[in-house]
């Protein structure tokens, strides 16, 4: 969703008829194999290949919410990679289509279509994730709440559906963290239950398996369970070398842990990767430089920190055109002031 967030060998496990798999009874086997391949390519950051594979599935069955969902998810991931505001509108249009397809297949609540309920809930969860990234907290919470009912319905229809457990686990975790957004909301969720659900999804072979593993690493980091969080990241990187979403999560976990030298090493790797894939990406570079500047400052290397902070501040004129850049510029100025005084 951080999201999400998405994150984190997937194809082999997807092809085995294990617990939680979107089984042939719910999706034809050959279509499942091709969809798995498209998702695999996405996590390998082979975005053109992934787009071509998933778009072909969308064209072949215009009523399938699963293919439409993964197409929207790919665009959402690119939003988070590029910081391209134009892609946000594209994501919402595609995601609205997923919700529309799912609602029609459920007969607006009259039909017992497991996949339709699953992807209705997951699409709403993705919408919540995007709205939070767009810094629209109230709308994000509303979308999060609206995702619960369809996911619970999907799980009631298929009790081993790992992807539904993943979605419900993430909702549970954000509800437990709710005091960050609205005082008193945190009492509505259970972190223990959230971890149980996400761990189960991460151990099963649903299409959301990688997302569940990535989310589990992030959650563990949030709870300062550093050893297991880093182990999850290492496992993901073994399957998906240089995946920037995993590297960013690992960087943030190590920063929280106080391993600032390794934060800087990963930060340089991220900078090189994004400059190669998306040159001139002010959103991504500013976020990474700010984290690196904080690491330099923590190591007592004020000059190195100031070099990066000044690069971010120099982009202030773009603050209204680049997502989050206004926040990063403000934080960079505050840190600069602290260092200089």
C-alpha atoms as a PDB file:
ATOM      1  CA  UNK A   1       0.000   0.000   0.000  1.00  0.00           C
ATOM      2  CA  UNK A   2       3.583   2.163   2.172  1.00  0.00           C
ATOM      3  CA  UNK A   3       3.123   0.953   0.253  1.00  0.00           C
ATOM      4  CA  UNK A   4       2.854  -0.670   0.417  1.00  0.00           C
ATOM      5  CA  UNK A   5       4.260   0.172  -0.356  1.00  0.00           C
ATOM      6  CA  UNK A   6       4.028  -3.153  -3.377  1.00  0.00           C
ATOM      7  CA  UNK A   7       7.240  -6.048  -2.289  1.00  0.00           C
ATOM      8  CA  UNK A   8       8.225  -8.774  -1.475  1.00  0.00           C
ATOM      9  CA  UNK A   9      11.230 -17.647  -5.854  1.00  0.00           C
ATOM     10  CA  UNK A  10       7.472 -16.236  -6.478  1.00  0.00           C
ATOM     11  CA  UNK A  11       6.655 -17.995  -9.762  1.00  0.00           C
ATOM     12  CA  UNK A  12       7.447 -21.506  -8.617  1.00  0.00           C
ATOM     13  CA  UNK A  13       5.336 -21.182  -5.490  1.00  0.00           C
ATOM     14  CA  UNK A  14       2.459 -19.685  -7.426  1.00  0.00           C
ATOM     15  CA  UNK A  15       2.362 -22.638  -9.785  1.00  0.00           C
ATOM     16  CA  UNK A  16       2.084 -25.111  -6.912  1.00  0.00           C
ATOM     17  CA  UNK A  17      -1.460 -25.688  -5.706  1.00  0.00           C
ATOM     18  CA  UNK A  18      -0.715 -24.684  -2.135  1.00  0.00           C
ATOM     19  CA  UNK A  19      -2.941 -23.102   0.506  1.00  0.00           C
ATOM     20  CA  UNK A  20      -4.139 -19.653  -0.358  1.00  0.00           C
ATOM     21  CA  UNK A  21      -3.376 -19.923  -4.087  1.00  0.00           C
ATOM     22  CA  UNK A  22      -5.918 -18.430  -6.459  1.00  0.00           C
ATOM     23  CA  UNK A  23      -6.656 -21.946  -7.649  1.00  0.00           C
ATOM     24  CA  UNK A  24      -7.884 -23.056 -11.106  1.00  0.00           C
ATOM     25  CA  UNK A  25     -11.419 -23.213  -9.737  1.00  0.00           C
ATOM     26  CA  UNK A  26     -11.189 -19.439  -9.290  1.00  0.00           C
ATOM     27  CA  UNK A  27      -8.924 -18.696 -12.274  1.00  0.00           C
ATOM     28  CA  UNK A  28      -7.906 -20.843 -15.305  1.00  0.00           C
ATOM     29  CA  UNK A  29      -4.451 -22.370 -14.778  1.00  0.00           C
ATOM     30  CA  UNK A  30      -2.809 -20.932 -17.903  1.00  0.00           C
ATOM     31  CA  UNK A  31      -4.144 -17.483 -17.138  1.00  0.00           C
ATOM     32  CA  UNK A  32      -2.820 -17.785 -13.585  1.00  0.00           C
ATOM     33  CA  UNK A  33       0.635 -18.729 -14.902  1.00  0.00           C
ATOM     34  CA  UNK A  34       0.738 -15.715 -17.231  1.00  0.00           C
ATOM     35  CA  UNK A  35      -0.476 -13.360 -14.499  1.00  0.00           C
ATOM     36  CA  UNK A  36       2.173 -14.727 -12.137  1.00  0.00           C
ATOM     37  CA  UNK A  37       4.830 -14.032 -14.764  1.00  0.00           C
ATOM     38  CA  UNK A  38       3.612 -10.443 -15.185  1.00  0.00           C
ATOM     39  CA  UNK A  39       3.815  -9.870 -11.423  1.00  0.00           C
ATOM     40  CA  UNK A  40       7.260 -11.475 -11.302  1.00  0.00           C
ATOM     41  CA  UNK A  41       8.494  -9.081 -14.007  1.00  0.00           C
ATOM     42  CA  UNK A  42       7.116  -6.124 -12.059  1.00  0.00           C
ATOM     43  CA  UNK A  43       9.097  -7.027  -8.932  1.00  0.00           C
ATOM     44  CA  UNK A  44      12.168  -7.492 -11.096  1.00  0.00           C
ATOM     45  CA  UNK A  45      11.553  -3.885 -12.201  1.00  0.00           C
ATOM     46  CA  UNK A  46      11.087  -4.987 -15.805  1.00  0.00           C
ATOM     47  CA  UNK A  47       8.156  -2.636 -16.124  1.00  0.00           C
ATOM     48  CA  UNK A  48       7.729  -2.660 -19.910  1.00  0.00           C
ATOM     49  CA  UNK A  49       7.643  -6.456 -20.001  1.00  0.00           C
ATOM     50  CA  UNK A  50       5.224  -6.561 -17.064  1.00  0.00           C
ATOM     51  CA  UNK A  51       2.927  -3.984 -18.678  1.00  0.00           C
ATOM     52  CA  UNK A  52       2.811  -5.896 -21.967  1.00  0.00           C
ATOM     53  CA  UNK A  53       1.997  -9.189 -20.243  1.00  0.00           C
ATOM     54  CA  UNK A  54      -0.721  -7.834 -17.976  1.00  0.00           C
ATOM     55  CA  UNK A  55      -2.267  -5.622 -20.675  1.00  0.00           C
ATOM     56  CA  UNK A  56      -2.658  -8.663 -22.924  1.00  0.00           C
ATOM     57  CA  UNK A  57      -4.581 -10.404 -20.133  1.00  0.00           C
ATOM     58  CA  UNK A  58      -6.803  -7.345 -19.689  1.00  0.00           C
ATOM     59  CA  UNK A  59      -7.593  -7.254 -23.431  1.00  0.00           C
ATOM     60  CA  UNK A  60      -8.404 -10.968 -23.534  1.00  0.00           C
ATOM     61  CA  UNK A  61     -10.992 -10.759 -20.750  1.00  0.00           C
ATOM     62  CA  UNK A  62     -12.373  -7.286 -20.166  1.00  0.00           C
ATOM     63  CA  UNK A  63     -14.552  -8.552 -17.303  1.00  0.00           C
ATOM     64  CA  UNK A  64     -11.691  -9.942 -15.178  1.00  0.00           C
ATOM     65  CA  UNK A  65     -11.024  -7.786 -12.083  1.00  0.00           C
ATOM     66  CA  UNK A  66      -7.791  -9.665 -11.280  1.00  0.00           C
ATOM     67  CA  UNK A  67      -5.938  -8.594 -14.428  1.00  0.00           C
ATOM     68  CA  UNK A  68      -7.339  -5.083 -14.132  1.00  0.00           C
ATOM     69  CA  UNK A  69      -6.178  -4.924 -10.507  1.00  0.00           C
ATOM     70  CA  UNK A  70      -2.590  -5.898 -11.311  1.00  0.00           C
ATOM     71  CA  UNK A  71      -2.521  -3.430 -14.193  1.00  0.00           C
ATOM     72  CA  UNK A  72      -3.565  -0.638 -11.812  1.00  0.00           C
ATOM     73  CA  UNK A  73      -1.037  -1.872  -9.221  1.00  0.00           C
ATOM     74  CA  UNK A  74       1.788  -1.625 -11.758  1.00  0.00           C
ATOM     75  CA  UNK A  75       0.898   2.005 -12.483  1.00  0.00           C
ATOM     76  CA  UNK A  76       0.724   2.665  -8.736  1.00  0.00           C
ATOM     77  CA  UNK A  77       4.216   1.236  -8.267  1.00  0.00           C
ATOM     78  CA  UNK A  78       5.480   3.488 -11.046  1.00  0.00           C
ATOM     79  CA  UNK A  79       3.872   6.475  -9.287  1.00  0.00           C
ATOM     80  CA  UNK A  80       5.965   5.702  -6.226  1.00  0.00           C
ATOM     81  CA  UNK A  81       9.096   5.124  -8.313  1.00  0.00           C
ATOM     82  CA  UNK A  82       8.864   8.245 -10.472  1.00  0.00           C
ATOM     83  CA  UNK A  83       6.857  10.779  -8.454  1.00  0.00           C
ATOM     84  CA  UNK A  84       5.042  11.592 -11.700  1.00  0.00           C
ATOM     85  CA  UNK A  85       1.819  13.386 -10.769  1.00  0.00           C
ATOM     86  CA  UNK A  86       0.210  12.536 -14.132  1.00  0.00           C
ATOM     87  CA  UNK A  87       0.406   8.849 -13.218  1.00  0.00           C
ATOM     88  CA  UNK A  88      -1.691   9.402 -10.099  1.00  0.00           C
ATOM     89  CA  UNK A  89      -4.757  10.192 -12.216  1.00  0.00           C
ATOM     90  CA  UNK A  90      -4.019   7.184 -14.422  1.00  0.00           C
ATOM     91  CA  UNK A  91      -3.838   4.934 -11.379  1.00  0.00           C
ATOM     92  CA  UNK A  92      -7.163   6.161  -9.972  1.00  0.00           C
ATOM     93  CA  UNK A  93      -8.920   5.672 -13.328  1.00  0.00           C
ATOM     94  CA  UNK A  94      -7.626   2.123 -13.631  1.00  0.00           C
ATOM     95  CA  UNK A  95      -8.406   1.379  -9.993  1.00  0.00           C
ATOM     96  CA  UNK A  96     -11.951   2.736 -10.370  1.00  0.00           C
ATOM     97  CA  UNK A  97     -12.352   0.285 -13.236  1.00  0.00           C
ATOM     98  CA  UNK A  98     -11.326  -2.596 -10.955  1.00  0.00           C
ATOM     99  CA  UNK A  99     -13.960  -1.577  -8.413  1.00  0.00           C
ATOM    100  CA  UNK A 100     -16.602  -1.273 -11.124  1.00  0.00           C
ATOM    101  CA  UNK A 101     -15.813  -4.696 -12.606  1.00  0.00           C
ATOM    102  CA  UNK A 102     -15.788  -6.297  -9.164  1.00  0.00           C
ATOM    103  CA  UNK A 103     -19.088  -4.741  -8.104  1.00  0.00           C
ATOM    104  CA  UNK A 104     -20.797  -5.875 -11.295  1.00  0.00           C
ATOM    105  CA  UNK A 105     -19.511  -9.428 -10.862  1.00  0.00           C
ATOM    106  CA  UNK A 106     -20.832  -9.536  -7.311  1.00  0.00           C
ATOM    107  CA  UNK A 107     -24.214  -8.458  -8.643  1.00  0.00           C
ATOM    108  CA  UNK A 108     -23.854  -5.536  -6.224  1.00  0.00           C
ATOM    109  CA  UNK A 109     -23.821  -7.969  -3.316  1.00  0.00           C
ATOM    110  CA  UNK A 110     -26.101 -10.694  -4.680  1.00  0.00           C
ATOM    111  CA  UNK A 111     -23.552 -13.139  -6.143  1.00  0.00           C
ATOM    112  CA  UNK A 112     -21.003 -15.286  -4.290  1.00  0.00           C
ATOM    113  CA  UNK A 113     -18.041 -14.420  -6.530  1.00  0.00           C
ATOM    114  CA  UNK A 114     -14.928 -14.864  -4.374  1.00  0.00           C
ATOM    115  CA  UNK A 115     -12.473 -13.182  -6.744  1.00  0.00           C
ATOM    116  CA  UNK A 116     -14.766 -10.216  -7.261  1.00  0.00           C
ATOM    117  CA  UNK A 117     -14.994  -9.566  -3.523  1.00  0.00           C
ATOM    118  CA  UNK A 118     -11.237 -10.118  -3.123  1.00  0.00           C
ATOM    119  CA  UNK A 119     -10.257  -7.589  -5.778  1.00  0.00           C
ATOM    120  CA  UNK A 120     -12.908  -5.113  -4.707  1.00  0.00           C
ATOM    121  CA  UNK A 121     -11.291  -5.095  -1.261  1.00  0.00           C
ATOM    122  CA  UNK A 122      -7.714  -5.032  -2.569  1.00  0.00           C
ATOM    123  CA  UNK A 123      -8.530  -2.192  -4.969  1.00  0.00           C
ATOM    124  CA  UNK A 124      -9.942  -0.145  -2.106  1.00  0.00           C
ATOM    125  CA  UNK A 125      -6.838  -0.927  -0.059  1.00  0.00           C
ATOM    126  CA  UNK A 126      -4.646   0.301  -2.934  1.00  0.00           C
ATOM    127  CA  UNK A 127      -6.762   3.447  -3.140  1.00  0.00           C
ATOM    128  CA  UNK A 128      -6.198   4.043   0.585  1.00  0.00           C
ATOM    129  CA  UNK A 129      -2.469   3.562   0.077  1.00  0.00           C
ATOM    130  CA  UNK A 130      -2.384   6.053  -2.794  1.00  0.00           C
ATOM    131  CA  UNK A 131      -4.448   8.652  -0.944  1.00  0.00           C
ATOM    132  CA  UNK A 132      -2.102   8.418   2.031  1.00  0.00           C
ATOM    133  CA  UNK A 133       0.861   8.949  -0.324  1.00  0.00           C
ATOM    134  CA  UNK A 134      -1.001  11.951  -1.743  1.00  0.00           C
ATOM    135  CA  UNK A 135      -1.197  13.238   1.850  1.00  0.00           C
ATOM    136  CA  UNK A 136      -5.002  12.969   1.966  1.00  0.00           C
ATOM    137  CA  UNK A 137      -5.285  11.270   5.347  1.00  0.00           C
ATOM    138  CA  UNK A 138      -9.023  11.477   5.978  1.00  0.00           C
ATOM    139  CA  UNK A 139      -9.887  10.121   2.524  1.00  0.00           C
ATOM    140  CA  UNK A 140      -7.262   7.399   2.982  1.00  0.00           C
ATOM    141  CA  UNK A 141      -8.822   6.254   6.270  1.00  0.00           C
ATOM    142  CA  UNK A 142     -12.267   6.189   4.671  1.00  0.00           C
ATOM    143  CA  UNK A 143     -10.983   4.035   1.819  1.00  0.00           C
ATOM    144  CA  UNK A 144      -9.224   1.744   4.287  1.00  0.00           C
ATOM    145  CA  UNK A 145     -12.421   1.151   6.242  1.00  0.00           C
ATOM    146  CA  UNK A 146     -14.400   0.504   3.037  1.00  0.00           C
ATOM    147  CA  UNK A 147     -11.999  -2.316   2.069  1.00  0.00           C
ATOM    148  CA  UNK A 148     -12.804  -4.459   5.106  1.00  0.00           C
ATOM    149  CA  UNK A 149     -16.253  -5.794   4.225  1.00  0.00           C
ATOM    150  CA  UNK A 150     -15.459  -7.215   0.752  1.00  0.00           C
ATOM    151  CA  UNK A 151     -12.241  -8.832   2.003  1.00  0.00           C
ATOM    152  CA  UNK A 152     -14.102 -10.448   4.895  1.00  0.00           C
ATOM    153  CA  UNK A 153     -16.735 -11.696   2.454  1.00  0.00           C
ATOM    154  CA  UNK A 154     -14.048 -13.192   0.187  1.00  0.00           C
ATOM    155  CA  UNK A 155     -12.497 -14.973   3.157  1.00  0.00           C
ATOM    156  CA  UNK A 156     -15.884 -16.285   4.296  1.00  0.00           C
ATOM    157  CA  UNK A 157     -16.363 -17.792   0.823  1.00  0.00           C
ATOM    158  CA  UNK A 158     -12.843 -19.283   0.685  1.00  0.00           C
ATOM    159  CA  UNK A 159     -11.335 -19.670   4.151  1.00  0.00           C
ATOM    160  CA  UNK A 160      -7.777 -20.377   2.874  1.00  0.00           C
ATOM    161  CA  UNK A 161      -7.585 -17.324   0.596  1.00  0.00           C
ATOM    162  CA  UNK A 162      -4.180 -15.914   1.557  1.00  0.00           C
ATOM    163  CA  UNK A 163      -4.536 -12.712  -0.452  1.00  0.00           C
ATOM    164  CA  UNK A 164      -7.649 -11.755   1.524  1.00  0.00           C
ATOM    165  CA  UNK A 165      -5.794 -12.462   4.771  1.00  0.00           C
ATOM    166  CA  UNK A 166      -2.993 -10.191   3.589  1.00  0.00           C
ATOM    167  CA  UNK A 167      -5.399  -7.330   2.883  1.00  0.00           C
ATOM    168  CA  UNK A 168      -7.176  -7.743   6.206  1.00  0.00           C
ATOM    169  CA  UNK A 169      -3.853  -7.956   8.036  1.00  0.00           C
ATOM    170  CA  UNK A 170      -2.690  -4.657   6.577  1.00  0.00           C
ATOM    171  CA  UNK A 171      -5.974  -2.986   7.488  1.00  0.00           C
ATOM    172  CA  UNK A 172      -5.683  -4.364  11.016  1.00  0.00           C
ATOM    173  CA  UNK A 173      -2.150  -3.011  11.349  1.00  0.00           C
ATOM    174  CA  UNK A 174      -3.055   0.466  10.128  1.00  0.00           C
ATOM    175  CA  UNK A 175      -6.047   0.520  12.459  1.00  0.00           C
ATOM    176  CA  UNK A 176      -3.744  -0.402  15.339  1.00  0.00           C
ATOM    177  CA  UNK A 177      -1.476   2.460  14.261  1.00  0.00           C
ATOM    178  CA  UNK A 178      -4.452   4.768  13.906  1.00  0.00           C
ATOM    179  CA  UNK A 179      -3.495   7.124  16.736  1.00  0.00           C
ATOM    180  CA  UNK A 180      -0.927   8.596  14.357  1.00  0.00           C
ATOM    181  CA  UNK A 181      -3.820   9.904  12.293  1.00  0.00           C
ATOM    182  CA  UNK A 182      -6.781  10.288  14.648  1.00  0.00           C
ATOM    183  CA  UNK A 183      -6.571  10.148  18.441  1.00  0.00           C
ATOM    184  CA  UNK A 184      -8.301   7.046  19.814  1.00  0.00           C
ATOM    185  CA  UNK A 185      -8.446   5.160  16.522  1.00  0.00           C
ATOM    186  CA  UNK A 186      -5.626   2.849  17.578  1.00  0.00           C
ATOM    187  CA  UNK A 187      -7.836   0.963  20.033  1.00  0.00           C
ATOM    188  CA  UNK A 188      -9.793  -0.471  17.074  1.00  0.00           C
ATOM    189  CA  UNK A 189      -6.952  -2.631  15.757  1.00  0.00           C
ATOM    190  CA  UNK A 190      -4.745  -5.439  17.030  1.00  0.00           C
ATOM    191  CA  UNK A 191      -1.081  -5.601  16.036  1.00  0.00           C
ATOM    192  CA  UNK A 192      -0.935  -9.239  17.124  1.00  0.00           C
ATOM    193  CA  UNK A 193      -3.817 -10.157  14.824  1.00  0.00           C
ATOM    194  CA  UNK A 194      -2.293  -8.085  12.028  1.00  0.00           C
ATOM    195  CA  UNK A 195       1.007  -9.953  12.254  1.00  0.00           C
ATOM    196  CA  UNK A 196      -0.772 -13.324  12.352  1.00  0.00           C
ATOM    197  CA  UNK A 197      -2.649 -12.568   9.128  1.00  0.00           C
ATOM    198  CA  UNK A 198       0.288 -11.072   7.223  1.00  0.00           C
ATOM    199  CA  UNK A 199       2.649 -13.859   8.321  1.00  0.00           C
ATOM    200  CA  UNK A 200       0.147 -16.430   7.094  1.00  0.00           C
ATOM    201  CA  UNK A 201      -0.125 -14.668   3.733  1.00  0.00           C
ATOM    202  CA  UNK A 202       3.664 -14.375   3.460  1.00  0.00           C
ATOM    203  CA  UNK A 203       3.994 -18.133   4.058  1.00  0.00           C
ATOM    204  CA  UNK A 204       1.371 -19.061   1.444  1.00  0.00           C
ATOM    205  CA  UNK A 205       1.377 -18.902  -2.339  1.00  0.00           C
ATOM    206  CA  UNK A 206      -1.176 -16.275  -3.233  1.00  0.00           C
ATOM    207  CA  UNK A 207      -0.540 -13.680  -5.910  1.00  0.00           C
ATOM    208  CA  UNK A 208       0.060 -11.182  -3.083  1.00  0.00           C
ATOM    209  CA  UNK A 209       2.778 -13.340  -1.529  1.00  0.00           C
ATOM    210  CA  UNK A 210       5.598 -10.941  -2.404  1.00  0.00           C
ATOM    211  CA  UNK A 211       3.596  -7.923  -1.234  1.00  0.00           C
ATOM    212  CA  UNK A 212       2.920  -9.737   2.045  1.00  0.00           C
ATOM    213  CA  UNK A 213       6.616 -10.499   2.538  1.00  0.00           C
ATOM    214  CA  UNK A 214       7.569  -6.898   1.829  1.00  0.00           C
ATOM    215  CA  UNK A 215       4.864  -5.593   4.174  1.00  0.00           C
ATOM    216  CA  UNK A 216       5.979  -8.004   6.889  1.00  0.00           C
ATOM    217  CA  UNK A 217       9.534  -6.643   6.651  1.00  0.00           C
ATOM    218  CA  UNK A 218       8.231  -3.088   6.914  1.00  0.00           C
ATOM    219  CA  UNK A 219       5.957  -3.905   9.876  1.00  0.00           C
ATOM    220  CA  UNK A 220       8.786  -5.645  11.733  1.00  0.00           C
ATOM    221  CA  UNK A 221      10.944  -2.587  11.184  1.00  0.00           C
ATOM    222  CA  UNK A 222       8.205  -0.357  12.562  1.00  0.00           C
ATOM    223  CA  UNK A 223       8.153  -2.526  15.696  1.00  0.00           C
ATOM    224  CA  UNK A 224      11.968  -2.439  16.011  1.00  0.00           C
ATOM    225  CA  UNK A 225      12.265  -6.167  15.376  1.00  0.00           C
ATOM    226  CA  UNK A 226      15.401  -5.446  13.387  1.00  0.00           C
ATOM    227  CA  UNK A 227      16.946  -8.895  12.983  1.00  0.00           C
ATOM    228  CA  UNK A 228      13.845 -10.497  11.496  1.00  0.00           C
ATOM    229  CA  UNK A 229      13.015  -7.406   9.432  1.00  0.00           C
ATOM    230  CA  UNK A 230      16.467  -7.403   7.830  1.00  0.00           C
ATOM    231  CA  UNK A 231      16.280 -11.151   7.278  1.00  0.00           C
ATOM    232  CA  UNK A 232      13.028 -10.663   5.359  1.00  0.00           C
ATOM    233  CA  UNK A 233      14.660  -7.937   3.260  1.00  0.00           C
ATOM    234  CA  UNK A 234      17.674 -10.129   2.513  1.00  0.00           C
ATOM    235  CA  UNK A 235      15.392 -12.957   1.373  1.00  0.00           C
ATOM    236  CA  UNK A 236      13.529 -10.603  -0.950  1.00  0.00           C
ATOM    237  CA  UNK A 237      16.732  -9.182  -2.410  1.00  0.00           C
ATOM    238  CA  UNK A 238      17.967 -12.683  -3.094  1.00  0.00           C
ATOM    239  CA  UNK A 239      14.888 -13.242  -5.264  1.00  0.00           C
ATOM    240  CA  UNK A 240      14.723  -9.694  -6.648  1.00  0.00           C
ATOM    241  CA  UNK A 241      18.235  -8.200  -6.698  1.00  0.00           C
ATOM    242  CA  UNK A 242      18.390  -4.393  -6.556  1.00  0.00           C
ATOM    243  CA  UNK A 243      14.652  -4.003  -6.008  1.00  0.00           C
ATOM    244  CA  UNK A 244      14.457  -0.376  -4.921  1.00  0.00           C
ATOM    245  CA  UNK A 245      11.354  -0.788  -2.759  1.00  0.00           C
ATOM    246  CA  UNK A 246      13.117  -3.438  -0.690  1.00  0.00           C
ATOM    247  CA  UNK A 247      16.338  -1.423  -0.548  1.00  0.00           C
ATOM    248  CA  UNK A 248      14.472   1.666   0.680  1.00  0.00           C
ATOM    249  CA  UNK A 249      12.800  -0.388   3.389  1.00  0.00           C
ATOM    250  CA  UNK A 250      16.143  -1.906   4.423  1.00  0.00           C
ATOM    251  CA  UNK A 251      17.728   1.567   4.442  1.00  0.00           C
ATOM    252  CA  UNK A 252      15.008   2.902   6.754  1.00  0.00           C
ATOM    253  CA  UNK A 253      15.238  -0.105   9.087  1.00  0.00           C
ATOM    254  CA  UNK A 254      19.008   0.334   9.351  1.00  0.00           C
ATOM    255  CA  UNK A 255      18.588   4.051  10.020  1.00  0.00           C
ATOM    256  CA  UNK A 256      16.193   3.275  12.865  1.00  0.00           C
ATOM    257  CA  UNK A 257      18.695   0.686  14.124  1.00  0.00           C
ATOM    258  CA  UNK A 258      21.492   3.273  14.051  1.00  0.00           C
ATOM    259  CA  UNK A 259      23.654   1.624  11.370  1.00  0.00           C
ATOM    260  CA  UNK A 260      24.355   4.890   9.563  1.00  0.00           C
ATOM    261  CA  UNK A 261      27.330   3.709   7.501  1.00  0.00           C
ATOM    262  CA  UNK A 262      25.222   1.019   5.838  1.00  0.00           C
ATOM    263  CA  UNK A 263      22.408   3.535   5.331  1.00  0.00           C
ATOM    264  CA  UNK A 264      24.849   5.609   3.273  1.00  0.00           C
ATOM    265  CA  UNK A 265      25.972   2.572   1.272  1.00  0.00           C
ATOM    266  CA  UNK A 266      22.385   1.673   0.374  1.00  0.00           C
ATOM    267  CA  UNK A 267      21.576   5.336  -0.292  1.00  0.00           C
ATOM    268  CA  UNK A 268      24.348   5.531  -2.901  1.00  0.00           C
ATOM    269  CA  UNK A 269      23.053   2.322  -4.508  1.00  0.00           C
ATOM    270  CA  UNK A 270      19.521   3.760  -4.659  1.00  0.00           C
ATOM    271  CA  UNK A 271      20.768   7.008  -6.164  1.00  0.00           C
ATOM    272  CA  UNK A 272      22.686   5.190  -8.896  1.00  0.00           C
ATOM    273  CA  UNK A 273      19.731   2.932  -9.679  1.00  0.00           C
ATOM    274  CA  UNK A 274      17.113   5.649  -9.926  1.00  0.00           C
ATOM    275  CA  UNK A 275      19.383   7.955 -11.959  1.00  0.00           C
ATOM    276  CA  UNK A 276      19.839   5.111 -14.446  1.00  0.00           C
ATOM    277  CA  UNK A 277      16.153   4.150 -14.626  1.00  0.00           C
ATOM    278  CA  UNK A 278      14.454   7.530 -14.121  1.00  0.00           C
ATOM    279  CA  UNK A 279      16.928  10.388 -14.725  1.00  0.00           C
ATOM    280  CA  UNK A 280      16.044  13.701 -13.106  1.00  0.00           C
ATOM    281  CA  UNK A 281      13.674  12.123 -10.572  1.00  0.00           C
ATOM    282  CA  UNK A 282      13.484  14.928  -7.997  1.00  0.00           C
ATOM    283  CA  UNK A 283      10.932  13.135  -5.821  1.00  0.00           C
ATOM    284  CA  UNK A 284      13.034  10.025  -5.338  1.00  0.00           C
ATOM    285  CA  UNK A 285      16.415  11.752  -5.088  1.00  0.00           C
ATOM    286  CA  UNK A 286      15.217  14.317  -2.528  1.00  0.00           C
ATOM    287  CA  UNK A 287      13.763  11.605  -0.277  1.00  0.00           C
ATOM    288  CA  UNK A 288      16.973   9.574  -0.480  1.00  0.00           C
ATOM    289  CA  UNK A 289      19.290  12.555   0.002  1.00  0.00           C
ATOM    290  CA  UNK A 290      17.342  13.634   3.078  1.00  0.00           C
ATOM    291  CA  UNK A 291      17.796  10.215   4.670  1.00  0.00           C
ATOM    292  CA  UNK A 292      21.496  10.220   3.755  1.00  0.00           C
ATOM    293  CA  UNK A 293      21.905  13.750   5.143  1.00  0.00           C
ATOM    294  CA  UNK A 294      20.417  12.615   8.446  1.00  0.00           C
ATOM    295  CA  UNK A 295      22.854   9.682   8.488  1.00  0.00           C
ATOM    296  CA  UNK A 296      25.828  11.970   7.818  1.00  0.00           C
ATOM    297  CA  UNK A 297      24.637  14.309  10.579  1.00  0.00           C
ATOM    298  CA  UNK A 298      24.312  11.398  13.020  1.00  0.00           C
ATOM    299  CA  UNK A 299      27.905  10.428  12.199  1.00  0.00           C
ATOM    300  CA  UNK A 300      29.046  13.978  12.955  1.00  0.00           C
ATOM    301  CA  UNK A 301      29.888  14.713   9.307  1.00  0.00           C
ATOM    302  CA  UNK A 302      28.158  18.096   9.051  1.00  0.00           C
ATOM    303  CA  UNK A 303      29.785  19.165   5.795  1.00  0.00           C
ATOM    304  CA  UNK A 304      28.679  16.046   3.925  1.00  0.00           C
ATOM    305  CA  UNK A 305      25.170  16.470   5.309  1.00  0.00           C
ATOM    306  CA  UNK A 306      24.965  20.120   4.249  1.00  0.00           C
ATOM    307  CA  UNK A 307      25.985  19.300   0.668  1.00  0.00           C
ATOM    308  CA  UNK A 308      22.942  17.035   0.293  1.00  0.00           C
ATOM    309  CA  UNK A 309      20.580  19.370   2.142  1.00  0.00           C
ATOM    310  CA  UNK A 310      21.537  22.267  -0.117  1.00  0.00           C
ATOM    311  CA  UNK A 311      20.765  20.137  -3.185  1.00  0.00           C
ATOM    312  CA  UNK A 312      17.252  19.513  -1.865  1.00  0.00           C
ATOM    313  CA  UNK A 313      16.667  23.159  -0.900  1.00  0.00           C
ATOM    314  CA  UNK A 314      17.799  24.255  -4.373  1.00  0.00           C
ATOM    315  CA  UNK A 315      14.711  22.503  -5.771  1.00  0.00           C
ATOM    316  CA  UNK A 316      12.269  24.579  -3.734  1.00  0.00           C
ATOM    317  CA  UNK A 317      10.761  26.145  -6.880  1.00  0.00           C
ATOM    318  CA  UNK A 318       9.457  22.672  -7.844  1.00  0.00           C
ATOM    319  CA  UNK A 319       7.756  22.000  -4.496  1.00  0.00           C
ATOM    320  CA  UNK A 320       4.218  22.326  -5.896  1.00  0.00           C
ATOM    321  CA  UNK A 321       4.974  20.195  -8.967  1.00  0.00           C
ATOM    322  CA  UNK A 322       6.716  17.223  -7.346  1.00  0.00           C
ATOM    323  CA  UNK A 323       4.939  15.017  -4.756  1.00  0.00           C
ATOM    324  CA  UNK A 324       6.343  15.384  -1.218  1.00  0.00           C
ATOM    325  CA  UNK A 325       9.066  17.788  -2.333  1.00  0.00           C
ATOM    326  CA  UNK A 326       7.594  20.597  -0.243  1.00  0.00           C
ATOM    327  CA  UNK A 327       7.863  18.377   2.842  1.00  0.00           C
ATOM    328  CA  UNK A 328      11.421  17.359   2.008  1.00  0.00           C
ATOM    329  CA  UNK A 329      12.498  20.977   1.444  1.00  0.00           C
ATOM    330  CA  UNK A 330      10.965  22.024   4.776  1.00  0.00           C
ATOM    331  CA  UNK A 331      12.685  19.167   6.615  1.00  0.00           C
ATOM    332  CA  UNK A 332      15.980  19.890   4.860  1.00  0.00           C
ATOM    333  CA  UNK A 333      15.849  23.533   5.971  1.00  0.00           C
ATOM    334  CA  UNK A 334      15.089  22.519   9.551  1.00  0.00           C
ATOM    335  CA  UNK A 335      17.954  20.029   9.641  1.00  0.00           C
ATOM    336  CA  UNK A 336      20.301  22.570   8.088  1.00  0.00           C
ATOM    337  CA  UNK A 337      19.372  25.055  10.787  1.00  0.00           C
ATOM    338  CA  UNK A 338      20.008  22.480  13.526  1.00  0.00           C
ATOM    339  CA  UNK A 339      23.420  21.572  12.080  1.00  0.00           C
ATOM    340  CA  UNK A 340      24.517  25.200  11.698  1.00  0.00           C
ATOM    341  CA  UNK A 341      23.485  26.147  15.220  1.00  0.00           C
END
